């Protein structure tokens, strides 16, 4: 790593997983930010892949893709959890929002219990999807849409 600018990022809450439930628990001061999130069916969860927040993981620039054996790609061409800044993004189905408790119930998320949450953004189709998409052929055979329940660690 070079001596470039440094930015401070503070978690707004944490992923909680257990007993088959997935919840984002916000710190009390951020709970008012949940107002009207319940009007969305999905939320973009921006989270910190803290299990890979180390010098080794931050310097890995290429990886063999687990879903495309024999194919090596750069970390900017895949969703590898190790990257220069371990920022992850998952679109999640919203099951419940409790502003008073500062919680968001999700169907699934591909983050671990305790992963720091950096931000939440309501999913808006006109802004967050495009009509004509090109992706590498290693995604051939993948479904066109995310499953209704979302993506999880299982």
C-alpha atoms as a PDB file:
ATOM      1  CA  UNK A   1       0.000   0.000   0.000  1.00  0.00           C
ATOM      2  CA  UNK A   2       1.229   3.457  -0.802  1.00  0.00           C
ATOM      3  CA  UNK A   3       0.937   6.615   1.268  1.00  0.00           C
ATOM      4  CA  UNK A   4      -2.305   7.782  -0.307  1.00  0.00           C
ATOM      5  CA  UNK A   5      -5.254   9.514   1.284  1.00  0.00           C
ATOM      6  CA  UNK A   6      -6.974   7.676   4.091  1.00  0.00           C
ATOM      7  CA  UNK A   7     -10.712   7.837   4.705  1.00  0.00           C
ATOM      8  CA  UNK A   8     -12.468   7.004   7.938  1.00  0.00           C
ATOM      9  CA  UNK A   9     -15.507   4.784   7.693  1.00  0.00           C
ATOM     10  CA  UNK A  10     -17.596   4.014  10.742  1.00  0.00           C
ATOM     11  CA  UNK A  11     -20.114   1.187  10.957  1.00  0.00           C
ATOM     12  CA  UNK A  12     -23.757   2.116  11.381  1.00  0.00           C
ATOM     13  CA  UNK A  13     -24.547  -1.341  12.739  1.00  0.00           C
ATOM     14  CA  UNK A  14     -23.832  -5.043  12.426  1.00  0.00           C
ATOM     15  CA  UNK A  15     -25.201  -8.139  10.718  1.00  0.00           C
ATOM     16  CA  UNK A  16     -26.763 -10.585  13.152  1.00  0.00           C
ATOM     17  CA  UNK A  17     -27.342 -14.168  12.020  1.00  0.00           C
ATOM     18  CA  UNK A  18     -28.734 -16.946  14.156  1.00  0.00           C
ATOM     19  CA  UNK A  19     -31.648 -19.340  14.513  1.00  0.00           C
ATOM     20  CA  UNK A  20     -32.326 -19.041  10.782  1.00  0.00           C
ATOM     21  CA  UNK A  21     -32.867 -15.279  11.041  1.00  0.00           C
ATOM     22  CA  UNK A  22     -30.867 -12.449   9.512  1.00  0.00           C
ATOM     23  CA  UNK A  23     -31.085  -8.990  11.042  1.00  0.00           C
ATOM     24  CA  UNK A  24     -29.181  -5.774  10.744  1.00  0.00           C
ATOM     25  CA  UNK A  25     -28.966  -4.109  14.132  1.00  0.00           C
ATOM     26  CA  UNK A  26     -28.178  -0.412  13.856  1.00  0.00           C
ATOM     27  CA  UNK A  27     -26.569   1.690  16.534  1.00  0.00           C
ATOM     28  CA  UNK A  28     -29.212   3.747  18.291  1.00  0.00           C
ATOM     29  CA  UNK A  29     -28.140   7.080  16.757  1.00  0.00           C
ATOM     30  CA  UNK A  30     -28.724   5.703  13.235  1.00  0.00           C
ATOM     31  CA  UNK A  31     -32.153   4.135  13.857  1.00  0.00           C
ATOM     32  CA  UNK A  32     -34.082   7.259  12.699  1.00  0.00           C
ATOM     33  CA  UNK A  33     -32.511   6.725   9.275  1.00  0.00           C
ATOM     34  CA  UNK A  34     -34.787   3.689   8.832  1.00  0.00           C
ATOM     35  CA  UNK A  35     -37.881   5.875   8.391  1.00  0.00           C
ATOM     36  CA  UNK A  36     -39.772   4.633   5.290  1.00  0.00           C
ATOM     37  CA  UNK A  37     -37.276   1.857   4.491  1.00  0.00           C
ATOM     38  CA  UNK A  38     -40.235  -0.462   5.074  1.00  0.00           C
ATOM     39  CA  UNK A  39     -41.734   0.895   1.836  1.00  0.00           C
ATOM     40  CA  UNK A  40     -39.021  -0.913  -0.153  1.00  0.00           C
ATOM     41  CA  UNK A  41     -39.044  -4.608  -0.992  1.00  0.00           C
ATOM     42  CA  UNK A  42     -35.239  -4.713  -1.194  1.00  0.00           C
ATOM     43  CA  UNK A  43     -32.293  -2.864   0.284  1.00  0.00           C
ATOM     44  CA  UNK A  44     -28.683  -2.604  -0.825  1.00  0.00           C
ATOM     45  CA  UNK A  45     -26.516  -3.430   2.171  1.00  0.00           C
ATOM     46  CA  UNK A  46     -22.992  -2.065   2.011  1.00  0.00           C
ATOM     47  CA  UNK A  47     -20.877  -3.976   4.494  1.00  0.00           C
ATOM     48  CA  UNK A  48     -17.252  -4.452   5.489  1.00  0.00           C
ATOM     49  CA  UNK A  49     -15.757  -7.887   4.787  1.00  0.00           C
ATOM     50  CA  UNK A  50     -13.917  -7.721   8.105  1.00  0.00           C
ATOM     51  CA  UNK A  51     -12.717 -11.336   7.929  1.00  0.00           C
ATOM     52  CA  UNK A  52     -10.515 -10.182   5.026  1.00  0.00           C
ATOM     53  CA  UNK A  53      -9.406  -6.860   6.461  1.00  0.00           C
ATOM     54  CA  UNK A  54      -5.714  -7.712   6.613  1.00  0.00           C
ATOM     55  CA  UNK A  55      -2.606  -6.882   4.616  1.00  0.00           C
ATOM     56  CA  UNK A  56      -2.558 -10.218   2.765  1.00  0.00           C
ATOM     57  CA  UNK A  57      -6.197 -10.044   1.625  1.00  0.00           C
ATOM     58  CA  UNK A  58      -5.830  -6.370   0.667  1.00  0.00           C
ATOM     59  CA  UNK A  59      -2.936  -7.174  -1.697  1.00  0.00           C
ATOM     60  CA  UNK A  60      -4.528 -10.097  -3.582  1.00  0.00           C
ATOM     61  CA  UNK A  61      -5.352  -8.708  -7.023  1.00  0.00           C
ATOM     62  CA  UNK A  62      -6.302 -11.910  -8.873  1.00  0.00           C
ATOM     63  CA  UNK A  63      -8.114 -15.087  -7.912  1.00  0.00           C
ATOM     64  CA  UNK A  64      -9.286 -18.355  -9.426  1.00  0.00           C
ATOM     65  CA  UNK A  65     -13.051 -18.147  -9.637  1.00  0.00           C
ATOM     66  CA  UNK A  66     -14.758 -20.875  -7.558  1.00  0.00           C
ATOM     67  CA  UNK A  67     -17.685 -20.932 -10.012  1.00  0.00           C
ATOM     68  CA  UNK A  68     -15.413 -21.073 -13.095  1.00  0.00           C
ATOM     69  CA  UNK A  69     -12.572 -23.542 -12.408  1.00  0.00           C
ATOM     70  CA  UNK A  70      -9.463 -22.726 -14.421  1.00  0.00           C
ATOM     71  CA  UNK A  71     -10.449 -19.073 -14.822  1.00  0.00           C
ATOM     72  CA  UNK A  72      -8.394 -16.413 -13.069  1.00  0.00           C
ATOM     73  CA  UNK A  73      -9.838 -12.916 -12.847  1.00  0.00           C
ATOM     74  CA  UNK A  74      -8.862  -9.643 -11.275  1.00  0.00           C
ATOM     75  CA  UNK A  75     -10.679  -8.731  -8.074  1.00  0.00           C
ATOM     76  CA  UNK A  76     -12.384  -5.836  -9.874  1.00  0.00           C
ATOM     77  CA  UNK A  77     -13.912  -8.351 -12.320  1.00  0.00           C
ATOM     78  CA  UNK A  78     -15.483 -10.542  -9.643  1.00  0.00           C
ATOM     79  CA  UNK A  79     -17.129 -10.401  -6.246  1.00  0.00           C
ATOM     80  CA  UNK A  80     -14.169 -11.770  -4.264  1.00  0.00           C
ATOM     81  CA  UNK A  81     -14.273 -10.825  -0.605  1.00  0.00           C
ATOM     82  CA  UNK A  82     -10.607  -9.901  -0.614  1.00  0.00           C
ATOM     83  CA  UNK A  83      -9.827  -6.578  -2.251  1.00  0.00           C
ATOM     84  CA  UNK A  84      -7.840  -3.405  -1.563  1.00  0.00           C
ATOM     85  CA  UNK A  85     -10.794  -2.082   0.481  1.00  0.00           C
ATOM     86  CA  UNK A  86     -12.966  -4.962   1.678  1.00  0.00           C
ATOM     87  CA  UNK A  87     -16.250  -3.234   0.888  1.00  0.00           C
ATOM     88  CA  UNK A  88     -19.063  -5.598  -0.043  1.00  0.00           C
ATOM     89  CA  UNK A  89     -22.505  -4.970  -1.513  1.00  0.00           C
ATOM     90  CA  UNK A  90     -25.499  -7.285  -1.292  1.00  0.00           C
ATOM     91  CA  UNK A  91     -29.052  -6.652  -2.463  1.00  0.00           C
ATOM     92  CA  UNK A  92     -31.332  -8.166   0.184  1.00  0.00           C
ATOM     93  CA  UNK A  93     -35.046  -8.784   0.478  1.00  0.00           C
ATOM     94  CA  UNK A  94     -36.510  -6.748   3.349  1.00  0.00           C
ATOM     95  CA  UNK A  95     -38.752  -8.763   5.669  1.00  0.00           C
ATOM     96  CA  UNK A  96     -39.302  -6.224   8.436  1.00  0.00           C
ATOM     97  CA  UNK A  97     -38.155  -2.795   9.576  1.00  0.00           C
ATOM     98  CA  UNK A  98     -38.384  -1.624  13.167  1.00  0.00           C
ATOM     99  CA  UNK A  99     -37.262   1.981  13.439  1.00  0.00           C
ATOM    100  CA  UNK A 100     -37.765   2.031  17.210  1.00  0.00           C
ATOM    101  CA  UNK A 101     -35.534  -1.018  17.734  1.00  0.00           C
ATOM    102  CA  UNK A 102     -33.159  -0.036  14.919  1.00  0.00           C
ATOM    103  CA  UNK A 103     -33.472  -3.354  13.120  1.00  0.00           C
ATOM    104  CA  UNK A 104     -33.963  -4.566   9.577  1.00  0.00           C
ATOM    105  CA  UNK A 105     -34.998  -8.187   9.058  1.00  0.00           C
ATOM    106  CA  UNK A 106     -33.611  -9.708   5.864  1.00  0.00           C
ATOM    107  CA  UNK A 107     -34.332 -12.932   4.002  1.00  0.00           C
ATOM    108  CA  UNK A 108     -30.594 -13.635   3.492  1.00  0.00           C
ATOM    109  CA  UNK A 109     -27.217 -11.959   3.220  1.00  0.00           C
ATOM    110  CA  UNK A 110     -23.806 -13.309   2.230  1.00  0.00           C
ATOM    111  CA  UNK A 111     -22.115 -11.688   5.238  1.00  0.00           C
ATOM    112  CA  UNK A 112     -21.079 -13.310   8.492  1.00  0.00           C
ATOM    113  CA  UNK A 113     -22.628 -12.722  11.878  1.00  0.00           C
ATOM    114  CA  UNK A 114     -20.971  -9.608  13.258  1.00  0.00           C
ATOM    115  CA  UNK A 115     -19.970  -8.131   9.889  1.00  0.00           C
ATOM    116  CA  UNK A 116     -20.016  -4.325  10.130  1.00  0.00           C
ATOM    117  CA  UNK A 117     -22.677  -2.552   8.072  1.00  0.00           C
ATOM    118  CA  UNK A 118     -21.522   0.709   6.464  1.00  0.00           C
ATOM    119  CA  UNK A 119     -24.698   1.913   4.768  1.00  0.00           C
ATOM    120  CA  UNK A 120     -28.175   0.950   3.594  1.00  0.00           C
ATOM    121  CA  UNK A 121     -29.800   2.173   0.387  1.00  0.00           C
ATOM    122  CA  UNK A 122     -33.306   1.346  -0.782  1.00  0.00           C
ATOM    123  CA  UNK A 123     -33.216  -0.602  -4.056  1.00  0.00           C
ATOM    124  CA  UNK A 124     -34.708   1.473  -6.887  1.00  0.00           C
ATOM    125  CA  UNK A 125     -35.013  -0.403 -10.209  1.00  0.00           C
ATOM    126  CA  UNK A 126     -34.758   2.688 -12.421  1.00  0.00           C
ATOM    127  CA  UNK A 127     -31.406   3.567 -10.781  1.00  0.00           C
ATOM    128  CA  UNK A 128     -30.014   0.174  -9.820  1.00  0.00           C
ATOM    129  CA  UNK A 129     -30.477  -2.043 -12.881  1.00  0.00           C
ATOM    130  CA  UNK A 130     -29.778  -1.734 -16.567  1.00  0.00           C
ATOM    131  CA  UNK A 131     -31.570  -3.292 -19.497  1.00  0.00           C
ATOM    132  CA  UNK A 132     -28.782  -4.492 -21.796  1.00  0.00           C
ATOM    133  CA  UNK A 133     -26.041  -6.095 -19.742  1.00  0.00           C
ATOM    134  CA  UNK A 134     -22.877  -7.862 -20.849  1.00  0.00           C
ATOM    135  CA  UNK A 135     -21.111 -10.255 -18.458  1.00  0.00           C
ATOM    136  CA  UNK A 136     -18.308 -12.807 -18.942  1.00  0.00           C
ATOM    137  CA  UNK A 137     -19.247 -16.247 -20.241  1.00  0.00           C
ATOM    138  CA  UNK A 138     -18.378 -17.877 -16.912  1.00  0.00           C
ATOM    139  CA  UNK A 139     -21.848 -16.734 -15.815  1.00  0.00           C
ATOM    140  CA  UNK A 140     -23.523 -18.795 -18.544  1.00  0.00           C
ATOM    141  CA  UNK A 141     -26.198 -20.943 -16.966  1.00  0.00           C
ATOM    142  CA  UNK A 142     -26.757 -18.610 -14.010  1.00  0.00           C
ATOM    143  CA  UNK A 143     -30.340 -17.455 -13.454  1.00  0.00           C
ATOM    144  CA  UNK A 144     -31.355 -14.143 -14.980  1.00  0.00           C
ATOM    145  CA  UNK A 145     -32.694 -12.862 -11.664  1.00  0.00           C
ATOM    146  CA  UNK A 146     -31.693 -13.214  -8.041  1.00  0.00           C
ATOM    147  CA  UNK A 147     -33.801 -15.775  -6.164  1.00  0.00           C
ATOM    148  CA  UNK A 148     -36.673 -14.177  -4.234  1.00  0.00           C
ATOM    149  CA  UNK A 149     -35.065 -15.064  -0.912  1.00  0.00           C
ATOM    150  CA  UNK A 150     -31.777 -13.449  -1.940  1.00  0.00           C
ATOM    151  CA  UNK A 151     -28.210 -14.632  -1.513  1.00  0.00           C
ATOM    152  CA  UNK A 152     -26.837 -16.109   1.686  1.00  0.00           C
ATOM    153  CA  UNK A 153     -23.883 -17.994   3.018  1.00  0.00           C
ATOM    154  CA  UNK A 154     -25.607 -21.370   2.654  1.00  0.00           C
END
